[in-house]
Full PDB file with SEQRES, HELIX, SHEET, SSBOND, CRYST1, ORIGX, SCALE, CONECT and MASTER records, all heavy atoms in Angstrom:
SEQRES   1 A   36  TYR ARG LYS LEU ILE VAL ARG ASP THR GLY GLN LEU VAL          
SEQRES   2 A   36  GLY ALA MET LEU VAL GLY ASN THR GLU ALA ALA GLY THR          
SEQRES   3 A   36  LEU VAL GLN LEU PHE ASP ARG GLY ASP PRO                      
HELIX    1 AA1 ALA A   24  ARG A   33  1                                  10    
SHEET    1 AA1 2 ARG A   2  VAL A   6  0                                        
SHEET    2 AA1 2 LEU A  12  LEU A  17 -1                                        
CRYST1    1.000    1.000    1.000  90.00  90.00  90.00 P 1           1          
ORIGX1      1.000000  0.000000  0.000000        0.00000                         
ORIGX2      0.000000  1.000000  0.000000        0.00000                         
ORIGX3      0.000000  0.000000  1.000000        0.00000                         
SCALE1      1.000000  0.000000  0.000000        0.00000                         
SCALE2      0.000000  1.000000  0.000000        0.00000                         
SCALE3      0.000000  0.000000  1.000000        0.00000                         
ATOM      1  N   TYR A   1      -5.611 -12.493  -1.397  1.00  0.00           N  
ATOM      2  CA  TYR A   1      -4.770 -11.922  -2.443  1.00  0.00           C  
ATOM      3  C   TYR A   1      -4.352 -10.527  -1.993  1.00  0.00           C  
ATOM      4  O   TYR A   1      -5.205  -9.741  -1.563  1.00  0.00           O  
ATOM      5  CB  TYR A   1      -5.526 -11.851  -3.771  1.00  0.00           C  
ATOM      6  CG  TYR A   1      -4.792 -11.160  -4.894  1.00  0.00           C  
ATOM      7  CD1 TYR A   1      -3.747 -11.781  -5.557  1.00  0.00           C  
ATOM      8  CD2 TYR A   1      -5.160  -9.871  -5.289  1.00  0.00           C  
ATOM      9  CE1 TYR A   1      -3.088 -11.138  -6.584  1.00  0.00           C  
ATOM     10  CE2 TYR A   1      -4.512  -9.240  -6.327  1.00  0.00           C  
ATOM     11  CZ  TYR A   1      -3.468  -9.874  -6.972  1.00  0.00           C  
ATOM     12  OH  TYR A   1      -2.811  -9.242  -7.993  1.00  0.00           O  
ATOM     13  N   ARG A   2      -3.046 -10.246  -2.054  1.00  0.00           N  
ATOM     14  CA  ARG A   2      -2.550  -8.920  -1.705  1.00  0.00           C  
ATOM     15  C   ARG A   2      -1.589  -8.457  -2.785  1.00  0.00           C  
ATOM     16  O   ARG A   2      -0.761  -9.234  -3.238  1.00  0.00           O  
ATOM     17  CB  ARG A   2      -1.837  -8.981  -0.339  1.00  0.00           C  
ATOM     18  CG  ARG A   2      -2.816  -9.320   0.788  1.00  0.00           C  
ATOM     19  CD  ARG A   2      -2.138  -9.620   2.067  1.00  0.00           C  
ATOM     20  NE  ARG A   2      -1.636 -10.999   2.025  1.00  0.00           N  
ATOM     21  CZ  ARG A   2      -0.831 -11.517   2.929  1.00  0.00           C  
ATOM     22  NH1 ARG A   2      -0.388 -10.799   3.929  1.00  0.00           N  
ATOM     23  NH2 ARG A   2      -0.424 -12.766   2.815  1.00  0.00           N  
ATOM     24  N   LYS A   3      -1.725  -7.184  -3.157  1.00  0.00           N  
ATOM     25  CA  LYS A   3      -0.920  -6.666  -4.260  1.00  0.00           C  
ATOM     26  C   LYS A   3      -0.538  -5.217  -3.974  1.00  0.00           C  
ATOM     27  O   LYS A   3      -1.348  -4.426  -3.471  1.00  0.00           O  
ATOM     28  CB  LYS A   3      -1.744  -6.720  -5.536  1.00  0.00           C  
ATOM     29  CG  LYS A   3      -1.108  -6.140  -6.772  1.00  0.00           C  
ATOM     30  CD  LYS A   3      -2.084  -6.271  -7.955  1.00  0.00           C  
ATOM     31  CE  LYS A   3      -1.508  -5.724  -9.231  1.00  0.00           C  
ATOM     32  NZ  LYS A   3      -2.449  -5.908 -10.354  1.00  0.00           N  
ATOM     33  N   LEU A   4       0.723  -4.872  -4.270  1.00  0.00           N  
ATOM     34  CA  LEU A   4       1.228  -3.518  -4.148  1.00  0.00           C  
ATOM     35  C   LEU A   4       1.768  -3.072  -5.507  1.00  0.00           C  
ATOM     36  O   LEU A   4       2.418  -3.863  -6.195  1.00  0.00           O  
ATOM     37  CB  LEU A   4       2.361  -3.419  -3.141  1.00  0.00           C  
ATOM     38  CG  LEU A   4       2.090  -3.755  -1.691  1.00  0.00           C  
ATOM     39  CD1 LEU A   4       3.367  -3.612  -0.877  1.00  0.00           C  
ATOM     40  CD2 LEU A   4       1.024  -2.844  -1.131  1.00  0.00           C  
ATOM     41  N   ILE A   5       1.538  -1.810  -5.832  1.00  0.00           N  
ATOM     42  CA  ILE A   5       2.180  -1.180  -6.985  1.00  0.00           C  
ATOM     43  C   ILE A   5       3.109  -0.117  -6.412  1.00  0.00           C  
ATOM     44  O   ILE A   5       2.662   0.778  -5.679  1.00  0.00           O  
ATOM     45  CB  ILE A   5       1.170  -0.524  -7.937  1.00  0.00           C  
ATOM     46  CG1 ILE A   5       0.062  -1.497  -8.359  1.00  0.00           C  
ATOM     47  CG2 ILE A   5       1.879   0.090  -9.140  1.00  0.00           C  
ATOM     48  CD1 ILE A   5       0.538  -2.677  -9.170  1.00  0.00           C  
ATOM     49  N   VAL A   6       4.415  -0.244  -6.678  1.00  0.00           N  
ATOM     50  CA  VAL A   6       5.424   0.588  -6.070  1.00  0.00           C  
ATOM     51  C   VAL A   6       6.233   1.303  -7.147  1.00  0.00           C  
ATOM     52  O   VAL A   6       6.697   0.668  -8.098  1.00  0.00           O  
ATOM     53  CB  VAL A   6       6.385  -0.247  -5.172  1.00  0.00           C  
ATOM     54  CG1 VAL A   6       7.443   0.605  -4.528  1.00  0.00           C  
ATOM     55  CG2 VAL A   6       5.586  -1.018  -4.142  1.00  0.00           C  
ATOM     56  N   ARG A   7       6.374   2.626  -6.983  1.00  0.00           N  
ATOM     57  CA  ARG A   7       7.219   3.410  -7.894  1.00  0.00           C  
ATOM     58  C   ARG A   7       8.674   3.162  -7.518  1.00  0.00           C  
ATOM     59  O   ARG A   7       9.002   2.798  -6.387  1.00  0.00           O  
ATOM     60  CB  ARG A   7       6.983   4.906  -7.699  1.00  0.00           C  
ATOM     61  CG  ARG A   7       5.883   5.572  -8.420  1.00  0.00           C  
ATOM     62  CD  ARG A   7       6.094   5.858  -9.878  1.00  0.00           C  
ATOM     63  NE  ARG A   7       4.975   5.366 -10.653  1.00  0.00           N  
ATOM     64  CZ  ARG A   7       3.826   6.004 -10.809  1.00  0.00           C  
ATOM     65  NH1 ARG A   7       3.636   7.170 -10.300  1.00  0.00           N  
ATOM     66  NH2 ARG A   7       2.852   5.444 -11.482  1.00  0.00           N  
ATOM     67  N   ASP A   8       9.583   3.381  -8.438  1.00  0.00           N  
ATOM     68  CA  ASP A   8      10.990   3.092  -8.231  1.00  0.00           C  
ATOM     69  C   ASP A   8      11.602   3.875  -7.071  1.00  0.00           C  
ATOM     70  O   ASP A   8      12.651   3.523  -6.584  1.00  0.00           O  
ATOM     71  CB  ASP A   8      11.786   3.339  -9.506  1.00  0.00           C  
ATOM     72  CG  ASP A   8      11.569   4.738 -10.062  1.00  0.00           C  
ATOM     73  OD1 ASP A   8      10.794   5.530  -9.511  1.00  0.00           O  
ATOM     74  OD2 ASP A   8      12.181   5.040 -11.091  1.00  0.00           O  
ATOM     75  N   THR A   9      10.929   4.879  -6.577  1.00  0.00           N  
ATOM     76  CA  THR A   9      11.421   5.653  -5.429  1.00  0.00           C  
ATOM     77  C   THR A   9      10.977   5.048  -4.099  1.00  0.00           C  
ATOM     78  O   THR A   9      11.219   5.633  -3.059  1.00  0.00           O  
ATOM     79  CB  THR A   9      10.911   7.099  -5.506  1.00  0.00           C  
ATOM     80  OG1 THR A   9       9.477   7.087  -5.489  1.00  0.00           O  
ATOM     81  CG2 THR A   9      11.405   7.788  -6.753  1.00  0.00           C  
ATOM     82  N   GLY A  10      10.290   3.892  -4.143  1.00  0.00           N  
ATOM     83  CA  GLY A  10       9.783   3.287  -2.920  1.00  0.00           C  
ATOM     84  C   GLY A  10       8.426   3.835  -2.512  1.00  0.00           C  
ATOM     85  O   GLY A  10       7.953   3.619  -1.402  1.00  0.00           O  
ATOM     86  N   GLN A  11       7.788   4.545  -3.432  1.00  0.00           N  
ATOM     87  CA  GLN A  11       6.499   5.175  -3.189  1.00  0.00           C  
ATOM     88  C   GLN A  11       5.349   4.219  -3.517  1.00  0.00           C  
ATOM     89  O   GLN A  11       5.324   3.623  -4.592  1.00  0.00           O  
ATOM     90  CB  GLN A  11       6.392   6.415  -4.097  1.00  0.00           C  
ATOM     91  CG  GLN A  11       5.384   7.419  -3.677  1.00  0.00           C  
ATOM     92  CD  GLN A  11       5.882   8.230  -2.513  1.00  0.00           C  
ATOM     93  OE1 GLN A  11       7.077   8.357  -2.286  1.00  0.00           O  
ATOM     94  NE2 GLN A  11       4.977   8.779  -1.762  1.00  0.00           N  
ATOM     95  N   LEU A  12       4.413   4.056  -2.596  1.00  0.00           N  
ATOM     96  CA  LEU A  12       3.226   3.230  -2.835  1.00  0.00           C  
ATOM     97  C   LEU A  12       2.279   4.009  -3.740  1.00  0.00           C  
ATOM     98  O   LEU A  12       1.839   5.103  -3.385  1.00  0.00           O  
ATOM     99  CB  LEU A  12       2.547   2.891  -1.511  1.00  0.00           C  
ATOM    100  CG  LEU A  12       1.274   2.071  -1.585  1.00  0.00           C  
ATOM    101  CD1 LEU A  12       1.578   0.672  -2.125  1.00  0.00           C  
ATOM    102  CD2 LEU A  12       0.607   1.981  -0.218  1.00  0.00           C  
ATOM    103  N   VAL A  13       1.945   3.454  -4.903  1.00  0.00           N  
ATOM    104  CA  VAL A  13       1.022   4.137  -5.800  1.00  0.00           C  
ATOM    105  C   VAL A  13      -0.298   3.374  -5.927  1.00  0.00           C  
ATOM    106  O   VAL A  13      -1.251   3.892  -6.483  1.00  0.00           O  
ATOM    107  CB  VAL A  13       1.635   4.382  -7.203  1.00  0.00           C  
ATOM    108  CG1 VAL A  13       2.760   5.375  -7.124  1.00  0.00           C  
ATOM    109  CG2 VAL A  13       2.062   3.107  -7.865  1.00  0.00           C  
ATOM    110  N   GLY A  14      -0.360   2.153  -5.377  1.00  0.00           N  
ATOM    111  CA  GLY A  14      -1.613   1.409  -5.408  1.00  0.00           C  
ATOM    112  C   GLY A  14      -1.523   0.136  -4.599  1.00  0.00           C  
ATOM    113  O   GLY A  14      -0.431  -0.398  -4.370  1.00  0.00           O  
ATOM    114  N   ALA A  15      -2.676  -0.329  -4.139  1.00  0.00           N  
ATOM    115  CA  ALA A  15      -2.732  -1.574  -3.371  1.00  0.00           C  
ATOM    116  C   ALA A  15      -4.113  -2.205  -3.503  1.00  0.00           C  
ATOM    117  O   ALA A  15      -5.110  -1.510  -3.644  1.00  0.00           O  
ATOM    118  CB  ALA A  15      -2.420  -1.305  -1.899  1.00  0.00           C  
ATOM    119  N   MET A  16      -4.136  -3.532  -3.449  1.00  0.00           N  
ATOM    120  CA  MET A  16      -5.374  -4.282  -3.440  1.00  0.00           C  
ATOM    121  C   MET A  16      -5.254  -5.375  -2.402  1.00  0.00           C  
ATOM    122  O   MET A  16      -4.265  -6.125  -2.402  1.00  0.00           O  
ATOM    123  CB  MET A  16      -5.660  -4.899  -4.806  1.00  0.00           C  
ATOM    124  CG  MET A  16      -6.928  -5.729  -4.824  1.00  0.00           C  
ATOM    125  SD  MET A  16      -7.159  -6.675  -6.347  1.00  0.00           S  
ATOM    126  CE  MET A  16      -7.298  -5.373  -7.535  1.00  0.00           C  
ATOM    127  N   LEU A  17      -6.212  -5.451  -1.498  1.00  0.00           N  
ATOM    128  CA  LEU A  17      -6.221  -6.503  -0.489  1.00  0.00           C  
ATOM    129  C   LEU A  17      -7.557  -7.217  -0.537  1.00  0.00           C  
ATOM    130  O   LEU A  17      -8.602  -6.582  -0.388  1.00  0.00           O  
ATOM    131  CB  LEU A  17      -6.023  -5.896   0.916  1.00  0.00           C  
ATOM    132  CG  LEU A  17      -4.764  -5.060   1.129  1.00  0.00           C  
ATOM    133  CD1 LEU A  17      -4.787  -4.409   2.515  1.00  0.00           C  
ATOM    134  CD2 LEU A  17      -3.525  -5.886   0.961  1.00  0.00           C  
ATOM    135  N   VAL A  18      -7.529  -8.541  -0.692  1.00  0.00           N  
ATOM    136  CA  VAL A  18      -8.748  -9.319  -0.723  1.00  0.00           C  
ATOM    137  C   VAL A  18      -8.562 -10.478   0.248  1.00  0.00           C  
ATOM    138  O   VAL A  18      -7.589 -11.208   0.156  1.00  0.00           O  
ATOM    139  CB  VAL A  18      -9.032  -9.868  -2.144  1.00  0.00           C  
ATOM    140  CG1 VAL A  18     -10.288 -10.744  -2.154  1.00  0.00           C  
ATOM    141  CG2 VAL A  18      -9.154  -8.745  -3.147  1.00  0.00           C  
ATOM    142  N   GLY A  19      -9.476 -10.627   1.183  1.00  0.00           N  
ATOM    143  CA  GLY A  19      -9.415 -11.742   2.117  1.00  0.00           C  
ATOM    144  C   GLY A  19      -8.580 -11.462   3.356  1.00  0.00           C  
ATOM    145  O   GLY A  19      -9.049 -11.658   4.455  1.00  0.00           O  
ATOM    146  N   ASN A  20      -7.371 -10.996   3.184  1.00  0.00           N  
ATOM    147  CA  ASN A  20      -6.504 -10.681   4.307  1.00  0.00           C  
ATOM    148  C   ASN A  20      -6.220  -9.175   4.233  1.00  0.00           C  
ATOM    149  O   ASN A  20      -5.421  -8.726   3.426  1.00  0.00           O  
ATOM    150  CB  ASN A  20      -5.201 -11.488   4.229  1.00  0.00           C  
ATOM    151  CG  ASN A  20      -4.260 -11.195   5.375  1.00  0.00           C  
ATOM    152  OD1 ASN A  20      -4.400 -10.192   6.076  1.00  0.00           O  
ATOM    153  ND2 ASN A  20      -3.290 -12.061   5.555  1.00  0.00           N  
ATOM    154  N   THR A  21      -6.868  -8.419   5.106  1.00  0.00           N  
ATOM    155  CA  THR A  21      -6.764  -6.967   5.039  1.00  0.00           C  
ATOM    156  C   THR A  21      -6.031  -6.366   6.235  1.00  0.00           C  
ATOM    157  O   THR A  21      -6.149  -5.173   6.513  1.00  0.00           O  
ATOM    158  CB  THR A  21      -8.182  -6.339   4.953  1.00  0.00           C  
ATOM    159  OG1 THR A  21      -8.926  -6.725   6.115  1.00  0.00           O  
ATOM    160  CG2 THR A  21      -8.902  -6.781   3.700  1.00  0.00           C  
ATOM    161  N   GLU A  22      -5.244  -7.150   6.946  1.00  0.00           N  
ATOM    162  CA  GLU A  22      -4.582  -6.665   8.137  1.00  0.00           C  
ATOM    163  C   GLU A  22      -3.599  -5.519   7.881  1.00  0.00           C  
ATOM    164  O   GLU A  22      -3.376  -4.695   8.751  1.00  0.00           O  
ATOM    165  CB  GLU A  22      -3.860  -7.813   8.867  1.00  0.00           C  
ATOM    166  CG  GLU A  22      -4.847  -8.757   9.519  1.00  0.00           C  
ATOM    167  CD  GLU A  22      -4.185  -9.671  10.508  1.00  0.00           C  
ATOM    168  OE1 GLU A  22      -3.073  -9.386  10.965  1.00  0.00           O  
ATOM    169  OE2 GLU A  22      -4.814 -10.684  10.847  1.00  0.00           O  
ATOM    170  N   ALA A  23      -3.058  -5.447   6.680  1.00  0.00           N  
ATOM    171  CA  ALA A  23      -2.103  -4.384   6.380  1.00  0.00           C  
ATOM    172  C   ALA A  23      -2.796  -3.086   5.919  1.00  0.00           C  
ATOM    173  O   ALA A  23      -2.107  -2.089   5.661  1.00  0.00           O  
ATOM    174  CB  ALA A  23      -1.126  -4.862   5.305  1.00  0.00           C  
ATOM    175  N   ALA A  24      -4.102  -3.072   5.835  1.00  0.00           N  
ATOM    176  CA  ALA A  24      -4.827  -1.937   5.260  1.00  0.00           C  
ATOM    177  C   ALA A  24      -4.518  -0.617   5.971  1.00  0.00           C  
ATOM    178  O   ALA A  24      -4.253   0.401   5.307  1.00  0.00           O  
ATOM    179  CB  ALA A  24      -6.330  -2.204   5.273  1.00  0.00           C  
ATOM    180  N   GLY A  25      -4.543  -0.601   7.291  1.00  0.00           N  
ATOM    181  CA  GLY A  25      -4.296   0.640   8.030  1.00  0.00           C  
ATOM    182  C   GLY A  25      -2.931   1.234   7.722  1.00  0.00           C  
ATOM    183  O   GLY A  25      -2.790   2.435   7.454  1.00  0.00           O  
ATOM    184  N   THR A  26      -1.926   0.392   7.732  1.00  0.00           N  
ATOM    185  CA  THR A  26      -0.572   0.845   7.444  1.00  0.00           C  
ATOM    186  C   THR A  26      -0.447   1.327   6.013  1.00  0.00           C  
ATOM    187  O   THR A  26       0.158   2.368   5.733  1.00  0.00           O  
ATOM    188  CB  THR A  26       0.428  -0.302   7.698  1.00  0.00           C  
ATOM    189  OG1 THR A  26       0.322  -0.713   9.081  1.00  0.00           O  
ATOM    190  CG2 THR A  26       1.859   0.123   7.409  1.00  0.00           C  
ATOM    191  N   LEU A  27      -1.057   0.596   5.078  1.00  0.00           N  
ATOM    192  CA  LEU A  27      -0.977   0.976   3.673  1.00  0.00           C  
ATOM    193  C   LEU A  27      -1.679   2.297   3.397  1.00  0.00           C  
ATOM    194  O   LEU A  27      -1.179   3.126   2.644  1.00  0.00           O  
ATOM    195  CB  LEU A  27      -1.567  -0.124   2.783  1.00  0.00           C  
ATOM    196  CG  LEU A  27      -0.737  -1.410   2.698  1.00  0.00           C  
ATOM    197  CD1 LEU A  27      -1.517  -2.502   1.981  1.00  0.00           C  
ATOM    198  CD2 LEU A  27       0.579  -1.143   2.007  1.00  0.00           C  
ATOM    199  N   VAL A  28      -2.813   2.514   4.020  1.00  0.00           N  
ATOM    200  CA  VAL A  28      -3.536   3.788   3.836  1.00  0.00           C  
ATOM    201  C   VAL A  28      -2.663   4.942   4.346  1.00  0.00           C  
ATOM    202  O   VAL A  28      -2.556   5.984   3.691  1.00  0.00           O  
ATOM    203  CB  VAL A  28      -4.901   3.761   4.561  1.00  0.00           C  
ATOM    204  CG1 VAL A  28      -5.501   5.145   4.646  1.00  0.00           C  
ATOM    205  CG2 VAL A  28      -5.851   2.828   3.841  1.00  0.00           C  
ATOM    206  N   GLN A  29      -2.028   4.771   5.482  1.00  0.00           N  
ATOM    207  CA  GLN A  29      -1.130   5.828   6.015  1.00  0.00           C  
ATOM    208  C   GLN A  29       0.015   6.091   5.056  1.00  0.00           C  
ATOM    209  O   GLN A  29       0.326   7.236   4.761  1.00  0.00           O  
ATOM    210  CB  GLN A  29      -0.582   5.445   7.384  1.00  0.00           C  
ATOM    211  CG  GLN A  29      -1.575   5.634   8.484  1.00  0.00           C  
ATOM    212  CD  GLN A  29      -0.947   5.329   9.841  1.00  0.00           C  
ATOM    213  OE1 GLN A  29       0.141   4.746   9.941  1.00  0.00           O  
ATOM    214  NE2 GLN A  29      -1.628   5.723  10.897  1.00  0.00           N  
ATOM    215  N   LEU A  30       0.654   5.043   4.572  1.00  0.00           N  
ATOM    216  CA  LEU A  30       1.799   5.213   3.662  1.00  0.00           C  
ATOM    217  C   LEU A  30       1.356   5.900   2.374  1.00  0.00           C  
ATOM    218  O   LEU A  30       2.039   6.783   1.858  1.00  0.00           O  
ATOM    219  CB  LEU A  30       2.425   3.857   3.333  1.00  0.00           C  
ATOM    220  CG  LEU A  30       3.194   3.179   4.470  1.00  0.00           C  
ATOM    221  CD1 LEU A  30       3.483   1.732   4.122  1.00  0.00           C  
ATOM    222  CD2 LEU A  30       4.470   3.933   4.781  1.00  0.00           C  
ATOM    223  N   PHE A  31       0.197   5.515   1.871  1.00  0.00           N  
ATOM    224  CA  PHE A  31      -0.324   6.089   0.637  1.00  0.00           C  
ATOM    225  C   PHE A  31      -0.710   7.556   0.830  1.00  0.00           C  
ATOM    226  O   PHE A  31      -0.314   8.411   0.045  1.00  0.00           O  
ATOM    227  CB  PHE A  31      -1.554   5.277   0.165  1.00  0.00           C  
ATOM    228  CG  PHE A  31      -2.107   5.711  -1.146  1.00  0.00           C  
ATOM    229  CD1 PHE A  31      -1.513   5.323  -2.326  1.00  0.00           C  
ATOM    230  CD2 PHE A  31      -3.257   6.487  -1.195  1.00  0.00           C  
ATOM    231  CE1 PHE A  31      -2.039   5.711  -3.547  1.00  0.00           C  
ATOM    232  CE2 PHE A  31      -3.779   6.892  -2.402  1.00  0.00           C  
ATOM    233  CZ  PHE A  31      -3.179   6.506  -3.593  1.00  0.00           C  
ATOM    234  N   ASP A  32      -1.481   7.837   1.880  1.00  0.00           N  
ATOM    235  CA  ASP A  32      -1.936   9.208   2.132  1.00  0.00           C  
ATOM    236  C   ASP A  32      -0.806  10.186   2.400  1.00  0.00           C  
ATOM    237  O   ASP A  32      -0.821  11.326   1.945  1.00  0.00           O  
ATOM    238  CB  ASP A  32      -2.918   9.259   3.305  1.00  0.00           C  
ATOM    239  CG  ASP A  32      -4.284   8.679   2.972  1.00  0.00           C  
ATOM    240  OD1 ASP A  32      -4.561   8.470   1.760  1.00  0.00           O  
ATOM    241  OD2 ASP A  32      -5.069   8.415   3.904  1.00  0.00           O  
ATOM    242  N   ARG A  33       0.182   9.748   3.156  1.00  0.00           N  
ATOM    243  CA  ARG A  33       1.295  10.623   3.538  1.00  0.00           C  
ATOM    244  C   ARG A  33       2.398  10.675   2.498  1.00  0.00           C  
ATOM    245  O   ARG A  33       3.260  11.550   2.553  1.00  0.00           O  
ATOM    246  CB  ARG A  33       1.894  10.130   4.841  1.00  0.00           C  
ATOM    247  CG  ARG A  33       0.987  10.261   6.020  1.00  0.00           C  
ATOM    248  CD  ARG A  33       1.667   9.736   7.225  1.00  0.00           C  
ATOM    249  NE  ARG A  33       0.805   9.831   8.389  1.00  0.00           N  
ATOM    250  CZ  ARG A  33       1.073   9.333   9.556  1.00  0.00           C  
ATOM    251  NH1 ARG A  33       2.227   8.710   9.749  1.00  0.00           N  
ATOM    252  NH2 ARG A  33       0.250   9.446  10.546  1.00  0.00           N  
ATOM    253  N   GLY A  34       2.419   9.693   1.608  1.00  0.00           N  
ATOM    254  CA  GLY A  34       3.500   9.647   0.623  1.00  0.00           C  
ATOM    255  C   GLY A  34       4.807   9.144   1.218  1.00  0.00           C  
ATOM    256  O   GLY A  34       5.875   9.351   0.657  1.00  0.00           O  
ATOM    257  N   ASP A  35       4.717   8.476   2.389  1.00  0.00           N  
ATOM    258  CA  ASP A  35       5.909   7.947   3.032  1.00  0.00           C  
ATOM    259  C   ASP A  35       6.482   6.779   2.206  1.00  0.00           C  
ATOM    260  O   ASP A  35       5.715   6.021   1.592  1.00  0.00           O  
ATOM    261  CB  ASP A  35       5.598   7.438   4.441  1.00  0.00           C  
ATOM    262  CG  ASP A  35       5.281   8.555   5.415  1.00  0.00           C  
ATOM    263  OD1 ASP A  35       5.602   9.705   5.103  1.00  0.00           O  
ATOM    264  OD2 ASP A  35       4.698   8.263   6.474  1.00  0.00           O  
ATOM    265  N   PRO A  36       7.802   6.602   2.216  1.00  0.00           N  
ATOM    266  CA  PRO A  36       8.398   5.475   1.480  1.00  0.00           C  
ATOM    267  C   PRO A  36       8.114   4.150   2.171  1.00  0.00           C  
ATOM    268  O   PRO A  36       7.996   4.082   3.396  1.00  0.00           O  
ATOM    269  CB  PRO A  36       9.883   5.799   1.480  1.00  0.00           C  
ATOM    270  CG  PRO A  36      10.083   6.672   2.655  1.00  0.00           C  
ATOM    271  CD  PRO A  36       8.810   7.450   2.844  1.00  0.00           C  
TER     272      PRO A  36                                                      
MASTER        0    0    0    1    2    0    0    6  271    1    0    3          
END                                                                             
């Protein structure tokens, strides 16, 4: 199960990854940096 919460500006405000976590590194970077 993979889930993203995205603000209307393209900003990642939350994520949940269960079972398939391959996107975790990229998501952490996007979240920490505030990149769109």
